[in-house]
């Protein structure tokens, strides 16, 4: 399950992380590296686009749990977009919709940050 790619880009003050393939214990460190880069640059508003994610394990979910508090303490957050039903079901099963905001598309999530200031 080494098929994984992560891409980072910015839309105004929001960092967009695109995850593709399989996010599991073997690939989670790549995502952690992206989050560490964002912290180094003091970029705390993050949208994660899951449009091309096929699978996520508990290790992948743990990456978001590890960083969300720091983002929120710095007036930011992590918002999720473009989840396929099978991926959303994993998040839902573990109660993530109570802790995170989910959006159908990336533009909507970015706009939400811009409205918050």
PDB file of N, CA and C in Angstrom:
ATOM      1  N   UNK A   1       0.820  -1.198   0.000  1.00  0.00           N
ATOM      2  CA  UNK A   1       0.000   0.000   0.000  1.00  0.00           C
ATOM      3  C   UNK A   1       0.857   1.253   0.000  1.00  0.00           C
ATOM      4  N   UNK A   2       1.928   1.256  -0.742  1.00  0.00           N
ATOM      5  CA  UNK A   2       2.820   2.402  -0.760  1.00  0.00           C
ATOM      6  C   UNK A   2       2.355   3.481  -1.732  1.00  0.00           C
ATOM      7  N   UNK A   3       1.226   3.284  -2.381  1.00  0.00           N
ATOM      8  CA  UNK A   3       0.711   4.260  -3.337  1.00  0.00           C
ATOM      9  C   UNK A   3       0.160   5.456  -2.577  1.00  0.00           C
ATOM     10  N   UNK A   4       1.009   6.477  -2.401  1.00  0.00           N
ATOM     11  CA  UNK A   4       0.590   7.661  -1.654  1.00  0.00           C
ATOM     12  C   UNK A   4       1.323   8.876  -2.181  1.00  0.00           C
ATOM     13  N   UNK A   5       0.609   9.991  -2.221  1.00  0.00           N
ATOM     14  CA  UNK A   5       1.209  11.248  -2.639  1.00  0.00           C
ATOM     15  C   UNK A   5       0.534  12.354  -1.856  1.00  0.00           C
ATOM     16  N   UNK A   6       1.316  13.329  -1.437  1.00  0.00           N
ATOM     17  CA  UNK A   6       0.763  14.481  -0.731  1.00  0.00           C
ATOM     18  C   UNK A   6       1.315  15.745  -1.388  1.00  0.00           C
ATOM     19  N   UNK A   7       0.419  16.707  -1.605  1.00  0.00           N
ATOM     20  CA  UNK A   7       0.789  17.946  -2.274  1.00  0.00           C
ATOM     21  C   UNK A   7       0.294  19.122  -1.431  1.00  0.00           C
ATOM     22  N   UNK A   8       1.095  20.162  -1.365  1.00  0.00           N
ATOM     23  CA  UNK A   8       0.734  21.343  -0.588  1.00  0.00           C
ATOM     24  C   UNK A   8       0.694  22.556  -1.507  1.00  0.00           C
ATOM     25  N   UNK A   9      -0.385  23.327  -1.386  1.00  0.00           N
ATOM     26  CA  UNK A   9      -0.490  24.588  -2.121  1.00  0.00           C
ATOM     27  C   UNK A   9      -1.254  25.575  -1.259  1.00  0.00           C
ATOM     28  N   UNK A  10      -1.200  26.841  -1.642  1.00  0.00           N
ATOM     29  CA  UNK A  10      -1.869  27.880  -0.862  1.00  0.00           C
ATOM     30  C   UNK A  10      -2.923  28.584  -1.691  1.00  0.00           C
ATOM     31  N   UNK A  11      -4.028  28.910  -1.043  1.00  0.00           N
ATOM     32  CA  UNK A  11      -5.059  29.777  -1.601  1.00  0.00           C
ATOM     33  C   UNK A  11      -5.206  30.909  -0.589  1.00  0.00           C
ATOM     34  N   UNK A  12      -4.642  32.059  -0.935  1.00  0.00           N
ATOM     35  CA  UNK A  12      -4.600  33.206  -0.033  1.00  0.00           C
ATOM     36  C   UNK A  12      -3.927  32.790   1.271  1.00  0.00           C
ATOM     37  N   UNK A  13      -4.622  32.881   2.400  1.00  0.00           N
ATOM     38  CA  UNK A  13      -4.003  32.561   3.694  1.00  0.00           C
ATOM     39  C   UNK A  13      -4.258  31.113   4.132  1.00  0.00           C
ATOM     40  N   UNK A  14      -4.859  30.323   3.252  1.00  0.00           N
ATOM     41  CA  UNK A  14      -5.215  28.943   3.594  1.00  0.00           C
ATOM     42  C   UNK A  14      -4.269  27.973   2.888  1.00  0.00           C
ATOM     43  N   UNK A  15      -3.758  27.013   3.643  1.00  0.00           N
ATOM     44  CA  UNK A  15      -2.926  25.950   3.071  1.00  0.00           C
ATOM     45  C   UNK A  15      -3.826  24.778   2.708  1.00  0.00           C
ATOM     46  N   UNK A  16      -3.674  24.283   1.487  1.00  0.00           N
ATOM     47  CA  UNK A  16      -4.467  23.152   1.027  1.00  0.00           C
ATOM     48  C   UNK A  16      -3.536  21.952   0.857  1.00  0.00           C
ATOM     49  N   UNK A  17      -3.871  20.874   1.557  1.00  0.00           N
ATOM     50  CA  UNK A  17      -3.120  19.629   1.450  1.00  0.00           C
ATOM     51  C   UNK A  17      -3.969  18.651   0.646  1.00  0.00           C
ATOM     52  N   UNK A  18      -3.422  18.160  -0.459  1.00  0.00           N
ATOM     53  CA  UNK A  18      -4.106  17.138  -1.257  1.00  0.00           C
ATOM     54  C   UNK A  18      -3.463  15.798  -0.937  1.00  0.00           C
ATOM     55  N   UNK A  19      -4.278  14.839  -0.530  1.00  0.00           N
ATOM     56  CA  UNK A  19      -3.760  13.503  -0.244  1.00  0.00           C
ATOM     57  C   UNK A  19      -4.325  12.528  -1.270  1.00  0.00           C
ATOM     58  N   UNK A  20      -3.459  11.668  -1.781  1.00  0.00           N
ATOM     59  CA  UNK A  20      -3.841  10.737  -2.837  1.00  0.00           C
ATOM     60  C   UNK A  20      -3.346   9.337  -2.491  1.00  0.00           C
ATOM     61  N   UNK A  21      -4.173   8.357  -2.746  1.00  0.00           N
ATOM     62  CA  UNK A  21      -3.754   6.967  -2.570  1.00  0.00           C
ATOM     63  C   UNK A  21      -4.133   6.404  -1.221  1.00  0.00           C
ATOM     64  N   UNK A  22      -3.145   5.806  -0.556  1.00  0.00           N
ATOM     65  CA  UNK A  22      -3.372   5.084   0.689  1.00  0.00           C
ATOM     66  C   UNK A  22      -2.604   5.742   1.827  1.00  0.00           C
ATOM     67  N   UNK A  23      -3.346   6.261   2.810  1.00  0.00           N
ATOM     68  CA  UNK A  23      -2.733   6.899   3.981  1.00  0.00           C
ATOM     69  C   UNK A  23      -2.782   5.898   5.137  1.00  0.00           C
ATOM     70  N   UNK A  24      -1.612   5.353   5.460  1.00  0.00           N
ATOM     71  CA  UNK A  24      -1.536   4.343   6.515  1.00  0.00           C
ATOM     72  C   UNK A  24      -0.261   4.548   7.324  1.00  0.00           C
ATOM     73  N   UNK A  25       0.104   3.580   8.137  1.00  0.00           N
ATOM     74  CA  UNK A  25       1.268   3.717   9.015  1.00  0.00           C
ATOM     75  C   UNK A  25       2.560   3.950   8.237  1.00  0.00           C
ATOM     76  N   UNK A  26       2.641   3.412   7.028  1.00  0.00           N
ATOM     77  CA  UNK A  26       3.857   3.568   6.228  1.00  0.00           C
ATOM     78  C   UNK A  26       3.951   4.942   5.570  1.00  0.00           C
ATOM     79  N   UNK A  27       2.809   5.541   5.266  1.00  0.00           N
ATOM     80  CA  UNK A  27       2.809   6.812   4.541  1.00  0.00           C
ATOM     81  C   UNK A  27       2.490   8.022   5.427  1.00  0.00           C
ATOM     82  N   UNK A  28       1.980   7.791   6.627  1.00  0.00           N
ATOM     83  CA  UNK A  28       1.624   8.888   7.535  1.00  0.00           C
ATOM     84  C   UNK A  28       2.787   9.851   7.809  1.00  0.00           C
ATOM     85  N   UNK A  29       4.043   9.382   7.908  1.00  0.00           N
ATOM     86  CA  UNK A  29       5.142  10.327   8.144  1.00  0.00           C
ATOM     87  C   UNK A  29       5.270  11.401   7.057  1.00  0.00           C
ATOM     88  N   UNK A  30       4.905  11.086   5.827  1.00  0.00           N
ATOM     89  CA  UNK A  30       4.939  12.094   4.760  1.00  0.00           C
ATOM     90  C   UNK A  30       3.953  13.227   5.073  1.00  0.00           C
ATOM     91  N   UNK A  31       2.773  12.869   5.555  1.00  0.00           N
ATOM     92  CA  UNK A  31       1.777  13.874   5.917  1.00  0.00           C
ATOM     93  C   UNK A  31       2.233  14.662   7.147  1.00  0.00           C
ATOM     94  N   UNK A  32       2.845  13.982   8.097  1.00  0.00           N
ATOM     95  CA  UNK A  32       3.370  14.669   9.277  1.00  0.00           C
ATOM     96  C   UNK A  32       4.415  15.707   8.875  1.00  0.00           C
ATOM     97  N   UNK A  33       5.247  15.382   7.895  1.00  0.00           N
ATOM     98  CA  UNK A  33       6.258  16.330   7.421  1.00  0.00           C
ATOM     99  C   UNK A  33       5.611  17.599   6.879  1.00  0.00           C
ATOM    100  N   UNK A  34       4.500  17.445   6.167  1.00  0.00           N
ATOM    101  CA  UNK A  34       3.788  18.606   5.626  1.00  0.00           C
ATOM    102  C   UNK A  34       3.256  19.472   6.778  1.00  0.00           C
ATOM    103  N   UNK A  35       2.653  18.839   7.765  1.00  0.00           N
ATOM    104  CA  UNK A  35       2.139  19.600   8.910  1.00  0.00           C
ATOM    105  C   UNK A  35       3.276  20.313   9.656  1.00  0.00           C
ATOM    106  N   UNK A  36       4.414  19.655   9.791  1.00  0.00           N
ATOM    107  CA  UNK A  36       5.550  20.304  10.456  1.00  0.00           C
ATOM    108  C   UNK A  36       6.046  21.507   9.658  1.00  0.00           C
ATOM    109  N   UNK A  37       6.035  21.405   8.334  1.00  0.00           N
ATOM    110  CA  UNK A  37       6.406  22.547   7.493  1.00  0.00           C
ATOM    111  C   UNK A  37       5.440  23.711   7.721  1.00  0.00           C
ATOM    112  N   UNK A  38       4.155  23.397   7.814  1.00  0.00           N
ATOM    113  CA  UNK A  38       3.160  24.442   8.043  1.00  0.00           C
ATOM    114  C   UNK A  38       3.380  25.120   9.391  1.00  0.00           C
ATOM    115  N   UNK A  39       3.670  24.338  10.417  1.00  0.00           N
ATOM    116  CA  UNK A  39       3.932  24.918  11.733  1.00  0.00           C
ATOM    117  C   UNK A  39       5.167  25.812  11.690  1.00  0.00           C
ATOM    118  N   UNK A  40       6.216  25.358  10.999  1.00  0.00           N
ATOM    119  CA  UNK A  40       7.435  26.161  10.876  1.00  0.00           C
ATOM    120  C   UNK A  40       7.151  27.506  10.206  1.00  0.00           C
ATOM    121  N   UNK A  41       6.222  27.504   9.261  1.00  0.00           N
ATOM    122  CA  UNK A  41       5.881  28.729   8.529  1.00  0.00           C
ATOM    123  C   UNK A  41       4.749  29.512   9.197  1.00  0.00           C
ATOM    124  N   UNK A  42       4.287  29.009  10.342  1.00  0.00           N
ATOM    125  CA  UNK A  42       3.180  29.633  11.085  1.00  0.00           C
ATOM    126  C   UNK A  42       1.910  29.744  10.223  1.00  0.00           C
ATOM    127  N   UNK A  43       1.645  28.679   9.499  1.00  0.00           N
ATOM    128  CA  UNK A  43       0.425  28.588   8.699  1.00  0.00           C
ATOM    129  C   UNK A  43      -0.503  27.592   9.399  1.00  0.00           C
ATOM    130  N   UNK A  44      -1.588  28.128   9.955  1.00  0.00           N
ATOM    131  CA  UNK A  44      -2.440  27.322  10.818  1.00  0.00           C
ATOM    132  C   UNK A  44      -3.828  27.056  10.247  1.00  0.00           C
ATOM    133  N   UNK A  45      -4.141  27.633   9.101  1.00  0.00           N
ATOM    134  CA  UNK A  45      -5.437  27.402   8.456  1.00  0.00           C
ATOM    135  C   UNK A  45      -5.227  26.361   7.360  1.00  0.00           C
ATOM    136  N   UNK A  46      -5.801  25.175   7.582  1.00  0.00           N
ATOM    137  CA  UNK A  46      -5.521  24.047   6.700  1.00  0.00           C
ATOM    138  C   UNK A  46      -6.816  23.414   6.192  1.00  0.00           C
ATOM    139  N   UNK A  47      -6.862  23.199   4.894  1.00  0.00           N
ATOM    140  CA  UNK A  47      -7.927  22.419   4.275  1.00  0.00           C
ATOM    141  C   UNK A  47      -7.274  21.167   3.701  1.00  0.00           C
ATOM    142  N   UNK A  48      -7.824  20.007   4.035  1.00  0.00           N
ATOM    143  CA  UNK A  48      -7.303  18.748   3.499  1.00  0.00           C
ATOM    144  C   UNK A  48      -8.298  18.237   2.464  1.00  0.00           C
ATOM    145  N   UNK A  49      -7.833  18.117   1.231  1.00  0.00           N
ATOM    146  CA  UNK A  49      -8.659  17.652   0.124  1.00  0.00           C
ATOM    147  C   UNK A  49      -8.404  16.159  -0.079  1.00  0.00           C
ATOM    148  N   UNK A  50      -9.446  15.364   0.144  1.00  0.00           N
ATOM    149  CA  UNK A  50      -9.344  13.900   0.054  1.00  0.00           C
ATOM    150  C   UNK A  50      -9.875  13.349  -1.266  1.00  0.00           C
ATOM    151  N   UNK A  51      -9.991  14.190  -2.281  1.00  0.00           N
ATOM    152  CA  UNK A  51     -10.619  13.785  -3.537  1.00  0.00           C
ATOM    153  C   UNK A  51     -10.034  12.495  -4.106  1.00  0.00           C
ATOM    154  N   UNK A  52      -8.729  12.315  -3.990  1.00  0.00           N
ATOM    155  CA  UNK A  52      -8.095  11.130  -4.577  1.00  0.00           C
ATOM    156  C   UNK A  52      -7.579  10.142  -3.526  1.00  0.00           C
ATOM    157  N   UNK A  53      -8.078  10.268  -2.285  1.00  0.00           N
ATOM    158  CA  UNK A  53      -7.691   9.305  -1.255  1.00  0.00           C
ATOM    159  C   UNK A  53      -8.550   8.056  -1.386  1.00  0.00           C
ATOM    160  N   UNK A  54      -7.894   6.908  -1.405  1.00  0.00           N
ATOM    161  CA  UNK A  54      -8.611   5.642  -1.546  1.00  0.00           C
ATOM    162  C   UNK A  54      -8.819   4.936  -0.214  1.00  0.00           C
ATOM    163  N   UNK A  55      -7.894   5.188   0.734  1.00  0.00           N
ATOM    164  CA  UNK A  55      -7.941   4.449   1.997  1.00  0.00           C
ATOM    165  C   UNK A  55      -7.238   5.261   3.076  1.00  0.00           C
ATOM    166  N   UNK A  56      -7.758   5.189   4.292  1.00  0.00           N
ATOM    167  CA  UNK A  56      -7.086   5.802   5.445  1.00  0.00           C
ATOM    168  C   UNK A  56      -7.162   4.838   6.625  1.00  0.00           C
ATOM    169  N   UNK A  57      -6.044   4.667   7.306  1.00  0.00           N
ATOM    170  CA  UNK A  57      -5.991   3.801   8.496  1.00  0.00           C
ATOM    171  C   UNK A  57      -6.012   4.656   9.749  1.00  0.00           C
ATOM    172  N   UNK A  58      -6.016   4.004  10.891  1.00  0.00           N
ATOM    173  CA  UNK A  58      -6.005   4.742  12.157  1.00  0.00           C
ATOM    174  C   UNK A  58      -4.735   5.572  12.297  1.00  0.00           C
ATOM    175  N   UNK A  59      -3.634   5.109  11.744  1.00  0.00           N
ATOM    176  CA  UNK A  59      -2.391   5.893  11.792  1.00  0.00           C
ATOM    177  C   UNK A  59      -2.553   7.190  11.006  1.00  0.00           C
ATOM    178  N   UNK A  60      -3.236   7.117   9.881  1.00  0.00           N
ATOM    179  CA  UNK A  60      -3.503   8.317   9.094  1.00  0.00           C
ATOM    180  C   UNK A  60      -4.404   9.278   9.847  1.00  0.00           C
ATOM    181  N   UNK A  61      -5.434   8.758  10.473  1.00  0.00           N
ATOM    182  CA  UNK A  61      -6.338   9.591  11.266  1.00  0.00           C
ATOM    183  C   UNK A  61      -5.597  10.248  12.428  1.00  0.00           C
ATOM    184  N   UNK A  62      -4.657   9.519  12.993  1.00  0.00           N
ATOM    185  CA  UNK A  62      -3.893  10.030  14.128  1.00  0.00           C
ATOM    186  C   UNK A  62      -3.088  11.273  13.799  1.00  0.00           C
ATOM    187  N   UNK A  63      -2.674  11.414  12.545  1.00  0.00           N
ATOM    188  CA  UNK A  63      -1.915  12.604  12.148  1.00  0.00           C
ATOM    189  C   UNK A  63      -2.759  13.854  12.384  1.00  0.00           C
ATOM    190  N   UNK A  64      -4.023  13.794  11.996  1.00  0.00           N
ATOM    191  CA  UNK A  64      -4.889  14.963  12.172  1.00  0.00           C
ATOM    192  C   UNK A  64      -5.132  15.256  13.647  1.00  0.00           C
ATOM    193  N   UNK A  65      -5.290  14.213  14.435  1.00  0.00           N
ATOM    194  CA  UNK A  65      -5.491  14.395  15.869  1.00  0.00           C
ATOM    195  C   UNK A  65      -4.245  15.031  16.511  1.00  0.00           C
ATOM    196  N   UNK A  66      -3.072  14.691  15.997  1.00  0.00           N
ATOM    197  CA  UNK A  66      -1.826  15.195  16.572  1.00  0.00           C
ATOM    198  C   UNK A  66      -1.636  16.694  16.348  1.00  0.00           C
ATOM    199  N   UNK A  67      -2.242  17.235  15.291  1.00  0.00           N
ATOM    200  CA  UNK A  67      -1.977  18.631  14.923  1.00  0.00           C
ATOM    201  C   UNK A  67      -3.147  19.583  15.126  1.00  0.00           C
ATOM    202  N   UNK A  68      -4.360  19.076  15.267  1.00  0.00           N
ATOM    203  CA  UNK A  68      -5.517  19.974  15.300  1.00  0.00           C
ATOM    204  C   UNK A  68      -5.488  20.939  16.481  1.00  0.00           C
ATOM    205  N   UNK A  69      -5.055  20.490  17.631  1.00  0.00           N
ATOM    206  CA  UNK A  69      -5.044  21.366  18.808  1.00  0.00           C
ATOM    207  C   UNK A  69      -4.094  22.550  18.603  1.00  0.00           C
ATOM    208  N   UNK A  70      -2.918  22.283  18.048  1.00  0.00           N
ATOM    209  CA  UNK A  70      -1.953  23.358  17.785  1.00  0.00           C
ATOM    210  C   UNK A  70      -2.522  24.353  16.783  1.00  0.00           C
ATOM    211  N   UNK A  71      -3.170  23.853  15.758  1.00  0.00           N
ATOM    212  CA  UNK A  71      -3.769  24.745  14.758  1.00  0.00           C
ATOM    213  C   UNK A  71      -4.822  25.647  15.417  1.00  0.00           C
ATOM    214  N   UNK A  72      -5.665  25.062  16.235  1.00  0.00           N
ATOM    215  CA  UNK A  72      -6.740  25.829  16.874  1.00  0.00           C
ATOM    216  C   UNK A  72      -6.208  26.818  17.904  1.00  0.00           C
ATOM    217  N   UNK A  73      -5.157  26.451  18.608  1.00  0.00           N
ATOM    218  CA  UNK A  73      -4.556  27.363  19.587  1.00  0.00           C
ATOM    219  C   UNK A  73      -3.984  28.607  18.908  1.00  0.00           C
ATOM    220  N   UNK A  74      -3.737  28.514  17.600  1.00  0.00           N
ATOM    221  CA  UNK A  74      -3.167  29.619  16.827  1.00  0.00           C
ATOM    222  C   UNK A  74      -4.193  30.222  15.865  1.00  0.00           C
ATOM    223  N   UNK A  75      -5.454  30.197  16.270  1.00  0.00           N
ATOM    224  CA  UNK A  75      -6.554  30.767  15.481  1.00  0.00           C
ATOM    225  C   UNK A  75      -6.715  30.139  14.107  1.00  0.00           C
ATOM    226  N   UNK A  76      -6.359  28.884  13.980  1.00  0.00           N
ATOM    227  CA  UNK A  76      -6.543  28.147  12.738  1.00  0.00           C
ATOM    228  C   UNK A  76      -7.407  26.930  12.976  1.00  0.00           C
ATOM    229  N   UNK A  77      -7.364  25.997  12.037  1.00  0.00           N
ATOM    230  CA  UNK A  77      -8.132  24.759  12.152  1.00  0.00           C
ATOM    231  C   UNK A  77      -7.720  23.843  11.011  1.00  0.00           C
ATOM    232  N   UNK A  78      -8.255  22.632  11.035  1.00  0.00           N
ATOM    233  CA  UNK A  78      -8.115  21.689   9.938  1.00  0.00           C
ATOM    234  C   UNK A  78      -9.531  21.356   9.477  1.00  0.00           C
ATOM    235  N   UNK A  79      -9.813  21.603   8.211  1.00  0.00           N
ATOM    236  CA  UNK A  79     -11.130  21.301   7.635  1.00  0.00           C
ATOM    237  C   UNK A  79     -10.937  20.258   6.533  1.00  0.00           C
ATOM    238  N   UNK A  80     -11.914  19.373   6.396  1.00  0.00           N
ATOM    239  CA  UNK A  80     -11.821  18.278   5.431  1.00  0.00           C
ATOM    240  C   UNK A  80     -12.789  18.475   4.272  1.00  0.00           C
ATOM    241  N   UNK A  81     -12.349  18.124   3.051  1.00  0.00           N
ATOM    242  CA  UNK A  81     -13.219  18.244   1.881  1.00  0.00           C
ATOM    243  C   UNK A  81     -13.081  17.034   0.955  1.00  0.00           C
ATOM    244  N   UNK A  82     -14.084  16.899   0.094  1.00  0.00           N
ATOM    245  CA  UNK A  82     -14.064  15.950  -1.025  1.00  0.00           C
ATOM    246  C   UNK A  82     -13.839  14.499  -0.600  1.00  0.00           C
ATOM    247  N   UNK A  83     -14.496  14.083   0.478  1.00  0.00           N
ATOM    248  CA  UNK A  83     -14.319  12.701   0.924  1.00  0.00           C
ATOM    249  C   UNK A  83     -15.238  11.758   0.163  1.00  0.00           C
ATOM    250  N   UNK A  84     -14.675  10.658  -0.277  1.00  0.00           N
ATOM    251  CA  UNK A  84     -15.491   9.595  -0.856  1.00  0.00           C
ATOM    252  C   UNK A  84     -16.259   8.931   0.293  1.00  0.00           C
ATOM    253  N   UNK A  85     -17.366   8.307  -0.037  1.00  0.00           N
ATOM    254  CA  UNK A  85     -18.234   7.754   1.010  1.00  0.00           C
ATOM    255  C   UNK A  85     -17.504   6.760   1.907  1.00  0.00           C
ATOM    256  N   UNK A  86     -16.703   5.876   1.321  1.00  0.00           N
ATOM    257  CA  UNK A  86     -16.024   4.860   2.140  1.00  0.00           C
ATOM    258  C   UNK A  86     -15.010   5.503   3.094  1.00  0.00           C
ATOM    259  N   UNK A  87     -14.373   6.581   2.672  1.00  0.00           N
ATOM    260  CA  UNK A  87     -13.423   7.272   3.545  1.00  0.00           C
ATOM    261  C   UNK A  87     -14.180   8.046   4.627  1.00  0.00           C
ATOM    262  N   UNK A  88     -15.245   8.746   4.242  1.00  0.00           N
ATOM    263  CA  UNK A  88     -16.033   9.483   5.234  1.00  0.00           C
ATOM    264  C   UNK A  88     -16.584   8.535   6.295  1.00  0.00           C
ATOM    265  N   UNK A  89     -17.002   7.345   5.897  1.00  0.00           N
ATOM    266  CA  UNK A  89     -17.565   6.387   6.854  1.00  0.00           C
ATOM    267  C   UNK A  89     -16.574   6.044   7.964  1.00  0.00           C
ATOM    268  N   UNK A  90     -15.287   5.990   7.635  1.00  0.00           N
ATOM    269  CA  UNK A  90     -14.269   5.713   8.653  1.00  0.00           C
ATOM    270  C   UNK A  90     -14.193   6.887   9.632  1.00  0.00           C
ATOM    271  N   UNK A  91     -14.163   8.111   9.090  1.00  0.00           N
ATOM    272  CA  UNK A  91     -14.157   9.295   9.951  1.00  0.00           C
ATOM    273  C   UNK A  91     -15.405   9.329  10.830  1.00  0.00           C
ATOM    274  N   UNK A  92     -16.541   9.055  10.219  1.00  0.00           N
ATOM    275  CA  UNK A  92     -17.822   9.099  10.926  1.00  0.00           C
ATOM    276  C   UNK A  92     -17.870   8.066  12.046  1.00  0.00           C
ATOM    277  N   UNK A  93     -17.420   6.871  11.757  1.00  0.00           N
ATOM    278  CA  UNK A  93     -17.422   5.780  12.734  1.00  0.00           C
ATOM    279  C   UNK A  93     -16.626   6.160  13.987  1.00  0.00           C
ATOM    280  N   UNK A  94     -15.567   6.935  13.799  1.00  0.00           N
ATOM    281  CA  UNK A  94     -14.705   7.306  14.921  1.00  0.00           C
ATOM    282  C   UNK A  94     -15.060   8.658  15.530  1.00  0.00           C
ATOM    283  N   UNK A  95     -16.174   9.248  15.104  1.00  0.00           N
ATOM    284  CA  UNK A  95     -16.667  10.471  15.727  1.00  0.00           C
ATOM    285  C   UNK A  95     -16.019  11.760  15.243  1.00  0.00           C
ATOM    286  N   UNK A  96     -15.290  11.709  14.132  1.00  0.00           N
ATOM    287  CA  UNK A  96     -14.625  12.912  13.639  1.00  0.00           C
ATOM    288  C   UNK A  96     -15.581  14.050  13.283  1.00  0.00           C
ATOM    289  N   UNK A  97     -16.794  13.793  12.768  1.00  0.00           N
ATOM    290  CA  UNK A  97     -17.683  14.922  12.452  1.00  0.00           C
ATOM    291  C   UNK A  97     -18.047  15.789  13.650  1.00  0.00           C
ATOM    292  N   UNK A  98     -17.865  15.290  14.850  1.00  0.00           N
ATOM    293  CA  UNK A  98     -18.100  16.091  16.045  1.00  0.00           C
ATOM    294  C   UNK A  98     -16.922  17.037  16.283  1.00  0.00           C
ATOM    295  N   UNK A  99     -15.727  16.619  15.884  1.00  0.00           N
ATOM    296  CA  UNK A  99     -14.507  17.365  16.164  1.00  0.00           C
ATOM    297  C   UNK A  99     -14.038  18.261  15.017  1.00  0.00           C
ATOM    298  N   UNK A 100     -14.413  17.923  13.798  1.00  0.00           N
ATOM    299  CA  UNK A 100     -13.920  18.611  12.605  1.00  0.00           C
ATOM    300  C   UNK A 100     -15.073  19.039  11.717  1.00  0.00           C
ATOM    301  N   UNK A 101     -14.800  20.018  10.852  1.00  0.00           N
ATOM    302  CA  UNK A 101     -15.790  20.444   9.861  1.00  0.00           C
ATOM    303  C   UNK A 101     -15.500  19.744   8.540  1.00  0.00           C
ATOM    304  N   UNK A 102     -16.565  19.217   7.936  1.00  0.00           N
ATOM    305  CA  UNK A 102     -16.473  18.520   6.652  1.00  0.00           C
ATOM    306  C   UNK A 102     -17.242  19.317   5.603  1.00  0.00           C
ATOM    307  N   UNK A 103     -16.665  19.428   4.409  1.00  0.00           N
ATOM    308  CA  UNK A 103     -17.295  20.164   3.317  1.00  0.00           C
ATOM    309  C   UNK A 103     -17.288  19.319   2.052  1.00  0.00           C
ATOM    310  N   UNK A 104     -18.273  19.570   1.207  1.00  0.00           N
ATOM    311  CA  UNK A 104     -18.357  18.825  -0.050  1.00  0.00           C
ATOM    312  C   UNK A 104     -17.229  19.191  -1.001  1.00  0.00           C
ATOM    313  N   UNK A 105     -16.848  20.489  -1.016  1.00  0.00           N
ATOM    314  CA  UNK A 105     -15.771  20.872  -1.919  1.00  0.00           C
ATOM    315  C   UNK A 105     -14.789  21.836  -1.253  1.00  0.00           C
ATOM    316  N   UNK A 106     -13.634  21.908  -1.841  1.00  0.00           N
ATOM    317  CA  UNK A 106     -12.522  22.689  -1.305  1.00  0.00           C
ATOM    318  C   UNK A 106     -12.850  24.176  -1.226  1.00  0.00           C
ATOM    319  N   UNK A 107     -13.476  24.696  -2.262  1.00  0.00           N
ATOM    320  CA  UNK A 107     -13.784  26.132  -2.308  1.00  0.00           C
ATOM    321  C   UNK A 107     -14.624  26.556  -1.104  1.00  0.00           C
ATOM    322  N   UNK A 108     -15.599  25.736  -0.753  1.00  0.00           N
ATOM    323  CA  UNK A 108     -16.475  26.038   0.379  1.00  0.00           C
ATOM    324  C   UNK A 108     -15.677  26.106   1.688  1.00  0.00           C
ATOM    325  N   UNK A 109     -14.758  25.177   1.884  1.00  0.00           N
ATOM    326  CA  UNK A 109     -13.948  25.152   3.108  1.00  0.00           C
ATOM    327  C   UNK A 109     -13.021  26.357   3.178  1.00  0.00           C
ATOM    328  N   UNK A 110     -12.408  26.715   2.051  1.00  0.00           N
ATOM    329  CA  UNK A 110     -11.522  27.882   2.015  1.00  0.00           C
ATOM    330  C   UNK A 110     -12.319  29.147   2.315  1.00  0.00           C
ATOM    331  N   UNK A 111     -13.500  29.248   1.738  1.00  0.00           N
ATOM    332  CA  UNK A 111     -14.364  30.416   1.988  1.00  0.00           C
ATOM    333  C   UNK A 111     -14.737  30.518   3.465  1.00  0.00           C
ATOM    334  N   UNK A 112     -14.956  29.398   4.092  1.00  0.00           N
ATOM    335  CA  UNK A 112     -15.300  29.390   5.523  1.00  0.00           C
ATOM    336  C   UNK A 112     -14.172  30.019   6.345  1.00  0.00           C
ATOM    337  N   UNK A 113     -12.922  29.688   6.019  1.00  0.00           N
ATOM    338  CA  UNK A 113     -11.793  30.320   6.705  1.00  0.00           C
ATOM    339  C   UNK A 113     -11.783  31.815   6.455  1.00  0.00           C
ATOM    340  N   UNK A 114     -12.018  32.220   5.207  1.00  0.00           N
ATOM    341  CA  UNK A 114     -11.977  33.639   4.871  1.00  0.00           C
ATOM    342  C   UNK A 114     -13.077  34.412   5.582  1.00  0.00           C
ATOM    343  N   UNK A 115     -14.226  33.790   5.800  1.00  0.00           N
ATOM    344  CA  UNK A 115     -15.307  34.434   6.535  1.00  0.00           C
ATOM    345  C   UNK A 115     -14.968  34.587   8.016  1.00  0.00           C
ATOM    346  N   UNK A 116     -14.206  33.638   8.527  1.00  0.00           N
ATOM    347  CA  UNK A 116     -13.824  33.678   9.943  1.00  0.00           C
ATOM    348  C   UNK A 116     -12.753  34.726  10.209  1.00  0.00           C
ATOM    349  N   UNK A 117     -12.080  35.141   9.152  1.00  0.00           N
ATOM    350  CA  UNK A 117     -11.038  36.174   9.307  1.00  0.00           C
ATOM    351  C   UNK A 117      -9.692  35.632   9.616  1.00  0.00           C
TER     352      UNK A 117
END
